[in-house]
Protein backbone atom coordinates (compact mmCIF):
# COMPACT_ATOMS: atom_id res chain seq x y z
CA MET A 1 203.83 157.67 -129.10
CA PRO A 2 200.25 157.90 -128.45
CA ALA A 3 198.31 158.14 -131.53
CA SER A 4 196.01 160.83 -129.79
CA THR A 5 199.06 162.94 -130.09
CA ARG A 6 199.21 162.57 -133.93
CA GLU A 7 197.64 164.90 -136.62
CA ALA A 8 195.69 162.31 -137.70
CA VAL A 9 194.29 158.76 -136.74
CA ARG A 10 195.35 156.07 -139.67
CA VAL A 11 193.36 153.39 -140.10
CA ALA A 12 192.69 150.06 -141.81
CA VAL A 13 189.90 147.55 -142.90
CA LEU A 14 190.61 144.36 -143.52
CA ALA A 15 187.23 142.39 -145.12
CA ASP A 16 186.52 139.00 -146.53
CA SER A 17 183.35 139.86 -148.86
CA ASP A 18 181.18 142.82 -150.04
CA THR A 19 179.16 142.78 -147.13
CA ARG A 20 181.89 142.96 -144.59
CA TRP A 21 183.78 145.25 -146.85
CA LYS A 22 180.71 147.30 -146.45
CA TRP A 23 180.58 147.09 -142.57
CA GLY A 24 184.17 147.39 -142.14
CA ALA A 25 184.26 150.53 -144.40
CA LEU A 26 181.41 151.98 -142.23
CA THR A 27 182.52 151.14 -138.86
CA ALA A 28 185.90 152.66 -139.21
CA ARG A 29 184.62 156.38 -140.06
CA ARG A 30 181.70 156.11 -137.43
CA ILE A 31 184.15 155.16 -134.35
CA THR A 32 187.12 156.88 -135.11
CA THR A 33 188.31 160.55 -135.98
CA ALA A 34 190.03 159.65 -138.95
CA THR A 35 189.61 162.30 -141.50
CA ALA A 36 191.13 160.48 -144.29
CA GLU A 37 189.41 157.29 -146.06
CA PRO A 38 190.24 154.09 -144.57
CA THR A 39 192.92 152.06 -145.77
CA GLY A 40 191.11 149.31 -147.37
CA PHE A 41 192.55 145.77 -147.53
CA VAL A 42 190.17 142.40 -148.78
CA LEU A 43 191.31 138.99 -148.40
CA ARG A 44 191.98 136.72 -151.45
CA GLY A 45 189.79 133.72 -151.30
CA ARG A 46 186.52 131.68 -152.19
CA ALA A 47 184.10 134.85 -151.39
CA THR A 48 186.65 137.41 -152.53
CA PRO A 49 184.31 140.25 -154.08
CA THR A 50 184.49 141.53 -157.89
CA ALA A 51 184.83 145.05 -158.81
CA ARG A 52 181.19 145.17 -159.15
CA GLN A 53 180.42 143.70 -156.16
CA LEU A 54 182.63 146.39 -154.04
CA ALA A 55 181.77 149.47 -156.00
CA GLU A 56 177.72 148.90 -155.75
CA THR A 57 178.33 148.74 -151.62
CA GLY A 58 178.71 152.38 -151.98
CA VAL A 59 180.91 153.13 -149.02
CA SER A 60 184.54 153.83 -151.05
CA GLN A 61 185.86 155.51 -154.34
CA ASP A 62 188.93 153.89 -153.60
CA ALA A 63 189.01 149.80 -153.86
CA PRO A 64 190.50 147.80 -151.31
CA ARG A 65 193.53 145.84 -151.97
CA GLU A 66 193.17 142.24 -152.49
CA VAL A 67 195.54 140.67 -150.04
CA THR A 68 196.36 137.34 -148.27
CA GLY A 69 196.62 137.23 -144.66
CA ALA A 70 200.23 136.96 -144.84
CA GLU A 71 200.75 140.33 -147.09
CA PHE A 72 198.75 142.08 -145.00
CA LEU A 73 200.86 141.47 -142.27
CA ARG A 74 203.66 142.49 -143.96
CA ALA A 75 201.57 145.78 -144.99
CA VAL A 76 201.30 146.48 -141.36
CA ARG A 77 204.50 145.76 -140.24
CA ASP A 78 206.10 147.78 -143.26
CA ALA A 79 203.72 150.84 -142.49
CA GLU A 80 204.77 150.82 -138.88
CA ALA A 81 208.27 150.57 -140.22
CA ARG A 82 208.15 153.82 -142.41
CA GLY A 83 206.46 155.78 -139.55
CA GLU A 84 203.21 155.76 -140.50
CA GLY A 85 201.56 152.76 -138.69
CA PHE A 86 198.20 152.09 -138.29
CA ASP A 87 196.34 153.49 -135.36
CA VAL A 88 193.52 151.36 -135.63
CA LEU A 89 192.61 148.09 -137.51
CA VAL A 90 188.71 146.95 -137.80
CA LEU A 91 188.51 143.17 -138.81
CA SER A 92 185.30 142.87 -140.56
CA LEU A 93 186.05 138.87 -141.11
CA VAL A 94 184.63 135.53 -140.16
CA GLY A 95 185.59 134.37 -136.85
CA GLY A 96 187.95 131.86 -136.97
CA THR A 97 190.27 134.55 -139.13
CA VAL A 98 189.74 136.97 -137.05
CA ARG A 99 191.48 134.08 -134.32
CA ALA A 100 194.47 134.03 -137.04
CA VAL A 101 195.11 137.99 -138.00
CA LEU A 102 195.23 138.17 -133.91
CA GLN A 103 197.68 135.81 -133.59
CA GLY A 104 199.97 137.26 -136.27
CA LEU A 105 199.10 140.51 -135.23
CA ALA A 106 200.60 139.41 -131.85
CA ASP A 107 203.66 137.66 -133.41
CA LEU A 108 204.56 140.64 -135.27
CA SER A 109 205.94 142.36 -132.02
CA LEU A 110 205.40 145.51 -133.38
CA GLU A 111 206.63 148.73 -130.76
CA ARG A 112 203.54 150.20 -130.92
CA ARG A 113 200.13 147.92 -132.08
CA PRO A 114 196.98 149.31 -133.71
CA VAL A 115 193.98 149.18 -131.73
CA ILE A 116 191.89 146.21 -133.34
CA VAL A 117 188.16 146.24 -133.59
CA THR A 118 185.91 143.75 -134.69
CA GLY A 119 181.87 142.42 -134.69
CA TYR A 120 179.32 141.10 -137.08
CA VAL A 121 177.88 142.25 -140.01
CA GLY A 122 174.27 141.61 -139.60
CA VAL A 123 171.74 139.59 -137.35
CA VAL A 124 173.97 136.94 -135.38
CA TYR A 125 171.23 134.27 -135.03
CA GLU A 126 174.31 131.07 -135.28
CA LYS A 127 177.69 129.66 -134.00
CA LEU A 128 177.22 132.33 -131.28
CA THR A 129 179.52 131.07 -128.90
CA ASP A 130 182.17 130.36 -131.09
CA GLY A 131 182.20 132.79 -132.82
CA LEU A 132 182.68 135.42 -129.96
CA LEU A 133 185.32 133.29 -128.69
CA LEU A 134 187.59 133.02 -131.77
CA ARG A 135 187.03 137.50 -131.92
CA HIS A 136 188.46 137.38 -128.10
CA GLY A 137 191.45 138.94 -128.16
CA ALA A 138 190.48 142.07 -129.75
CA ASP A 139 190.35 145.49 -127.95
CA VAL A 140 186.82 146.22 -129.15
CA VAL A 141 184.26 143.76 -130.07
CA LEU A 142 181.24 145.74 -131.50
CA ALA A 143 177.59 144.81 -130.43
CA ASN A 144 174.97 145.50 -132.95
CA SER A 145 172.32 146.47 -130.32
CA ARG A 146 171.23 146.37 -126.59
CA HIS A 147 170.42 142.76 -127.37
CA ASP A 148 173.74 141.65 -128.71
CA ALA A 149 175.99 143.19 -125.81
CA GLU A 150 173.66 141.16 -123.22
CA ARG A 151 174.63 138.13 -125.02
CA PHE A 152 178.25 138.82 -125.52
CA ARG A 153 178.95 139.24 -122.41
CA ALA A 154 176.88 136.49 -121.17
CA VAL A 155 179.39 134.53 -123.55
CA TYR A 156 182.38 135.97 -122.08
CA GLU A 157 181.79 136.09 -118.37
CA GLY A 158 180.31 132.81 -118.71
CA VAL A 159 183.51 130.61 -119.64
CA GLY A 160 186.12 133.32 -117.79
CA ALA A 161 186.87 135.35 -120.41
CA GLY A 162 186.76 139.42 -120.09
CA ALA A 163 183.78 141.11 -121.45
CA ASP A 164 185.21 144.60 -120.98
CA SER A 165 185.87 144.94 -124.89
CA VAL A 166 182.03 144.63 -125.70
CA VAL A 167 180.91 148.02 -126.62
CA GLU A 168 177.12 148.50 -127.45
CA ALA A 169 176.63 150.27 -131.25
CA ALA A 170 174.61 149.74 -133.76
CA LEU A 171 174.59 148.62 -137.94
CA PRO A 172 176.94 151.09 -139.62
CA PHE A 173 174.74 151.34 -142.66
CA LEU A 174 171.08 152.38 -141.60
CA GLY A 175 170.22 155.34 -142.64
CA GLY A 176 168.44 156.97 -145.46
CA ALA A 177 164.82 159.01 -145.60
CA PRO A 178 161.87 157.89 -143.58
CA HIS A 179 159.18 156.01 -145.74
CA ALA A 180 156.68 158.41 -147.78
CA PRO A 181 154.68 156.90 -149.98
CA GLU A 182 153.94 158.25 -153.37
CA ALA A 183 150.50 158.35 -155.19
CA GLY A 184 150.69 155.73 -157.97
CA ARG A 185 153.82 153.83 -156.28
CA ASP A 186 153.24 150.28 -155.09
CA ALA A 187 156.43 148.55 -154.55
CA LEU A 188 157.09 145.36 -152.95
CA VAL A 189 160.50 144.02 -152.28
CA PHE A 190 161.97 140.41 -151.70
CA ALA A 191 165.58 140.88 -149.58
CA ALA A 192 167.03 137.44 -150.98
CA GLN A 193 169.90 135.90 -148.88
CA PRO A 194 172.42 132.92 -150.45
CA SER A 195 172.50 130.37 -148.36
CA VAL A 196 168.74 130.91 -146.52
CA PRO A 197 166.81 128.92 -147.43
CA VAL A 198 169.20 126.74 -148.59
CA THR A 199 167.37 124.19 -150.38
CA LYS A 200 166.30 123.86 -154.35
CA ALA A 201 162.64 123.14 -153.22
CA GLU A 202 162.50 125.89 -150.38
CA ARG A 203 163.84 128.77 -152.62
CA THR A 204 161.98 127.40 -155.61
CA TYR A 205 158.80 127.84 -153.28
CA VAL A 206 159.56 131.46 -152.30
CA LEU A 207 160.10 132.01 -155.96
CA ARG A 208 156.97 130.71 -157.30
CA ARG A 209 154.83 132.09 -154.14
CA LEU A 210 156.20 135.95 -154.87
CA ILE A 211 155.28 135.48 -158.81
CA ALA A 212 151.62 134.27 -157.52
CA HIS A 213 151.91 137.92 -155.74
CA ALA A 214 152.57 139.70 -158.72
CA ARG A 215 149.37 137.71 -160.66
CA LEU A 216 147.48 138.34 -158.10
CA HIS A 217 148.06 141.88 -157.63
CA PRO A 218 148.69 143.26 -160.63
CA GLY A 219 149.00 146.95 -159.95
CA ARG A 220 152.10 146.63 -157.34
CA GLU A 221 155.91 146.18 -158.69
CA VAL A 222 157.42 142.59 -157.25
CA LEU A 223 160.72 143.35 -157.45
CA LEU A 224 163.18 140.46 -156.44
CA LYS A 225 166.62 141.76 -154.94
CA LEU A 226 170.17 140.17 -154.98
CA ARG A 227 173.15 140.60 -154.02
CA SER A 228 175.48 138.91 -156.68
CA LYS A 229 175.57 138.10 -160.51
CA PRO A 230 176.03 134.54 -161.50
CA GLY A 231 179.82 133.32 -160.58
CA GLU A 232 180.19 136.16 -157.94
CA HIS A 233 180.08 135.32 -154.15
CA THR A 234 179.03 137.04 -151.26
CA THR A 235 179.94 136.33 -147.27
CA HIS A 236 177.82 132.58 -147.91
CA LEU A 237 177.97 130.51 -150.66
CA GLU A 238 174.32 130.42 -153.40
CA GLU A 239 174.25 127.09 -154.33
CA PHE A 240 170.69 127.62 -156.27
CA PRO A 241 170.69 130.99 -157.42
CA PHE A 242 167.23 132.87 -157.87
CA GLN A 243 168.47 134.01 -161.28
CA LYS A 244 168.35 130.24 -162.59
CA LEU A 245 165.46 129.27 -160.92
CA VAL A 246 163.24 131.87 -162.58
CA ARG A 247 164.35 130.87 -165.77
CA GLU A 248 162.28 127.50 -165.54
CA LEU A 249 158.70 129.86 -164.69
CA ASP A 250 157.13 132.57 -166.43
CA PRO A 251 156.75 135.50 -164.30
CA PRO A 252 154.48 138.53 -165.13
CA ASP A 253 155.88 142.07 -166.36
CA ASN A 254 155.22 143.34 -162.79
CA PHE A 255 157.95 141.11 -161.41
CA ARG A 256 161.59 142.06 -161.80
CA LEU A 257 164.86 141.13 -160.70
CA VAL A 258 166.76 143.87 -159.47
CA TYR A 259 170.46 144.28 -157.70
CA GLY A 260 172.34 147.64 -156.77
CA HIS A 261 172.91 149.37 -153.34
CA MET A 262 170.43 148.13 -150.45
CA GLY A 263 169.53 151.73 -149.58
CA GLU A 264 169.07 152.99 -153.29
CA VAL A 265 166.34 149.95 -153.64
CA LEU A 266 165.06 150.92 -150.49
CA ASP A 267 164.37 154.70 -151.55
CA ARG A 268 161.58 153.25 -153.53
CA THR A 269 160.29 150.23 -151.69
CA ASP A 270 156.69 150.44 -149.61
CA LEU A 271 156.69 146.79 -148.52
CA LEU A 272 159.81 144.70 -147.36
CA VAL A 273 159.63 141.16 -147.07
CA THR A 274 162.41 138.69 -146.55
CA VAL A 275 163.33 134.93 -144.74
CA SER A 276 165.99 136.97 -142.12
CA SER A 277 168.04 139.59 -143.79
CA THR A 278 169.61 142.28 -142.42
CA ALA A 279 167.82 144.05 -144.53
CA ALA A 280 164.79 144.08 -142.71
CA LEU A 281 166.83 146.23 -140.07
CA GLU A 282 167.56 148.60 -142.56
CA ALA A 283 163.76 148.91 -143.79
CA LEU A 284 162.34 148.84 -140.13
CA HIS A 285 164.88 151.98 -139.37
CA ARG A 286 163.52 154.12 -142.18
CA ARG A 287 159.80 153.11 -140.87
CA ILE A 288 158.88 151.16 -143.87
CA PRO A 289 156.81 147.87 -143.86
CA THR A 290 158.57 145.02 -143.46
CA ALA A 291 157.42 141.10 -143.22
CA ILE A 292 159.93 138.41 -141.83
CA LEU A 293 158.22 134.57 -143.68
CA THR A 294 157.32 132.43 -141.57
CA ASP A 295 155.90 129.92 -144.63
CA LEU A 296 158.91 127.88 -144.21
CA GLY A 297 158.88 127.87 -140.41
CA VAL A 298 160.13 129.47 -137.61
CA ARG A 299 163.55 128.16 -137.32
CA GLU A 300 167.19 128.56 -136.32
CA ALA A 301 168.48 127.43 -139.37
CA LEU A 302 166.68 130.23 -141.38
CA GLY A 303 167.73 132.33 -139.02
CA ASN A 304 163.69 134.04 -138.55
CA HIS A 305 163.83 132.91 -135.07
CA HIS A 306 165.71 136.11 -134.01
CA PHE A 307 162.47 137.88 -135.39
CA VAL A 308 160.26 136.37 -132.36
CA GLY A 309 158.22 138.74 -130.22
CA SER A 310 159.39 141.39 -133.06
CA GLY A 311 155.56 141.69 -134.70
CA LEU A 312 156.72 141.13 -137.90
CA LEU A 313 156.14 137.33 -138.31
CA THR A 314 153.75 136.69 -141.19
CA SER A 315 153.04 134.56 -144.61
CA PHE A 316 152.87 134.53 -147.97
CA ASP A 317 148.84 133.62 -147.28
CA ARG A 318 148.38 136.71 -145.24
CA LEU A 319 150.01 139.01 -147.66
CA ASP A 320 148.23 138.10 -150.75
CA LYS A 321 145.09 139.15 -148.33
CA GLY A 322 147.04 142.85 -147.84
CA ASP A 323 148.25 142.14 -144.36
CA VAL A 324 150.85 144.44 -143.55
CA PRO A 325 152.39 143.11 -139.80
CA ILE A 326 153.08 146.32 -137.13
CA PRO A 327 155.97 145.97 -135.67
CA ASP A 328 156.61 145.78 -131.61
CA GLU A 329 158.53 149.30 -130.60
CA THR A 330 159.67 147.43 -127.62
CA TRP A 331 161.36 144.51 -130.02
CA LEU A 332 162.90 147.57 -132.05
CA ALA A 333 164.33 149.45 -129.25
CA ARG A 334 166.90 146.53 -128.48
CA GLN A 335 167.85 145.57 -131.74
CA GLY A 336 169.07 148.72 -132.65
CA VAL A 337 166.92 149.31 -135.33
CA ALA A 338 167.11 153.60 -133.81
CA SER A 339 164.32 154.76 -135.67
CA ASP A 340 163.45 156.73 -132.92
CA GLY A 341 166.07 158.96 -134.03
CA SER A 342 168.60 157.80 -131.24
CA TYR A 343 170.88 156.41 -134.24
CA GLY A 344 172.97 159.55 -134.33
CA LYS A 345 174.33 158.56 -130.67
CA ALA A 346 174.80 155.01 -131.68
CA PHE A 347 178.49 154.82 -132.02
CA ASP A 348 179.39 157.49 -129.00
CA ALA A 349 180.56 154.62 -126.82
CA ALA A 350 182.04 152.96 -129.54
CA ARG A 351 184.40 156.33 -130.51
CA ASP A 352 185.13 156.77 -127.33
CA ARG A 353 186.53 153.59 -126.23
CA VAL A 354 188.86 153.80 -129.20
CA ALA A 355 189.82 156.97 -128.03
CA GLU A 356 190.47 155.95 -124.93
CA LEU A 357 192.79 152.92 -125.93
CA LEU A 358 194.68 155.61 -128.62
CA ALA A 359 195.48 157.75 -125.69
CA LEU A 360 197.51 154.81 -123.84
CA PRO A 361 201.14 155.12 -123.43
CA ALA A 362 201.10 151.45 -125.02
CA LEU A 363 198.09 148.90 -125.42
CA PRO A 364 198.16 145.42 -123.53
CA PRO A 365 199.43 142.63 -125.44
CA ILE A 366 196.97 140.67 -127.26
CA THR A 367 195.05 138.02 -124.76
CA PRO A 368 192.74 136.14 -126.82
CA TYR A 369 190.79 133.42 -125.13
CA TYR A 370 191.23 130.36 -127.77
CA THR A 371 195.05 129.80 -126.77
CA ALA A 372 197.31 126.33 -126.82
CA GLU A 373 196.42 126.09 -123.14
CA THR A 374 192.76 126.60 -123.66
CA ALA A 375 192.02 125.02 -127.06
CA PRO A 376 195.15 123.05 -128.06
CA GLY A 377 192.57 120.39 -130.09
CA TYR A 378 190.92 123.21 -131.83
CA LEU A 379 193.14 126.53 -132.20
CA PRO A 380 196.17 124.62 -134.14
CA GLY A 381 193.58 123.58 -137.04
CA ILE A 382 192.63 127.14 -137.34
CA LEU A 383 195.79 128.72 -137.52
CA ALA A 384 196.78 126.16 -139.94
CA ARG A 385 194.03 127.06 -142.24
CA HIS A 386 195.58 130.57 -142.63
CA ARG A 387 199.24 130.42 -144.12
CA LEU A 388 200.13 133.65 -141.86
CA ASP A 389 204.10 133.20 -142.35
CA VAL A 390 205.31 137.02 -142.78
CA THR A 391 209.24 135.65 -142.98
CA ALA A 392 208.50 133.84 -146.19
CA PRO A 393 209.84 136.15 -148.97
CA GLU A 394 207.52 137.95 -151.39
CA PRO A 395 207.10 136.74 -154.76
CA ARG A 396 207.44 139.18 -157.24
CA GLU A 397 204.35 138.56 -159.72
CA SER A 398 204.49 139.22 -163.34
CA GLY A 399 201.51 140.16 -165.47
CA LEU A 400 201.33 136.62 -166.78
CA ARG A 401 201.78 135.18 -163.18
CA ARG A 402 198.45 137.84 -162.51
CA VAL A 403 196.70 136.93 -165.56
CA VAL A 404 197.35 133.10 -164.67
CA ARG A 405 196.14 133.45 -160.90
CA GLU A 406 193.18 135.58 -162.02
CA ALA A 407 192.34 132.27 -164.42
CA ALA A 408 192.52 130.24 -161.61
CA ARG A 409 190.85 132.16 -159.43
CA GLY A 410 187.91 132.27 -162.10
CA ALA A 411 187.96 128.43 -162.14
CA TYR A 412 187.75 128.12 -158.62
CA ARG A 413 184.80 130.05 -158.21
CA HIS A 414 183.17 128.23 -161.40
CA GLY A 415 183.93 124.71 -159.56
CA VAL A 416 183.04 125.48 -156.17
CA GLN A 417 179.31 126.98 -157.55
CA ARG A 418 178.80 125.28 -160.43
CA VAL A 419 180.58 121.63 -160.69
CA ALA A 420 180.62 121.17 -156.67
CA PRO A 421 176.83 121.07 -156.42
CA VAL A 422 176.33 119.03 -159.50
CA ILE A 423 178.83 116.60 -157.98
CA ARG A 424 176.97 116.65 -154.39
CA ARG A 425 173.46 115.76 -156.57
CA LEU A 426 175.05 112.74 -158.60
CA GLY A 427 176.25 111.40 -154.90
CA GLU A 428 172.59 111.71 -153.45
CA LEU A 429 171.36 109.76 -156.55
């Protein structure tokens, strides 16, 4: 039966990192009329978030269940068998994983499949075409701004794929009180990113300049906002954590490392500085003065090219002198910042589209762009990397096996973040 005839809409979110869990859970709430919390799943893998990371997102009191891709598909199948099938699935995943899950859902041959929603967790500055085509086949592909919606439709139409799935929305985690300066408070926050910049030399440069700025302005708090602690993973691999690099330096007392929910940090921020973090859009939404660094160049690899035309590009030299960029209002409007008060309506179109799909007697078959016909040399490799065989028997996990698995996962993380970078550096000698 159409979900619109049920008393409640059932929603599930599948994510593969802490930031994508945050995006997925908040998106699920904004685009549906579901009154219950979404059922949460996080994929077991390299970027599986810890309990601390999940709690720090601040989006749900109920921790999502850690699963493999096959276990997730089994959960979807079994929920339908119990008469409790999901009406909406939010896939907050990298593109290749979205395509694999789409295939798995199609192979389940459910009597009534869920509406499938996907999108991007932040600024889309790399792999635009490939990432979009891997996501094609979802019923709704959310764009976080008018700018992104136009780009997404152009890609789909340019390859002859349907673009009806693209719906303009906004980043679901924008919010908070507008910036209000306080007497005696002067806080500069640098929003760090795990892989931007990527080299040790560039990350050390940023750190040294932050420390030098703190020394130059002893009355200002200079806070380095970090997303993960050593040993934890985020969406991207962090080869040279700032926590380790700072040990080699001697920062003054007004320089500190901080963690926690980004919104809470922004509550006490008077100037947000970053290379290209999505935190810049959060700050701009709240009218917090924001600066995008050009010290390492304006490059696609850094993602700060996305901010060309924003009026926000500047350097440490200018910040040291007290210069603060002034954002371009036209650019802000196209980027979904919605600092003009329009944010409350940003998800109306997506909510209407989902409701329209839920009201259909039956949803159409899942028809991705990448198929055995369009990409026979590419798609098989993507599907092979995701073991989604739901027909395989589900193993019974003893307490001992669970302990061993967690230990193995910890060892794997250590190998990826600690041992592998050392081996790569030795190989360069």
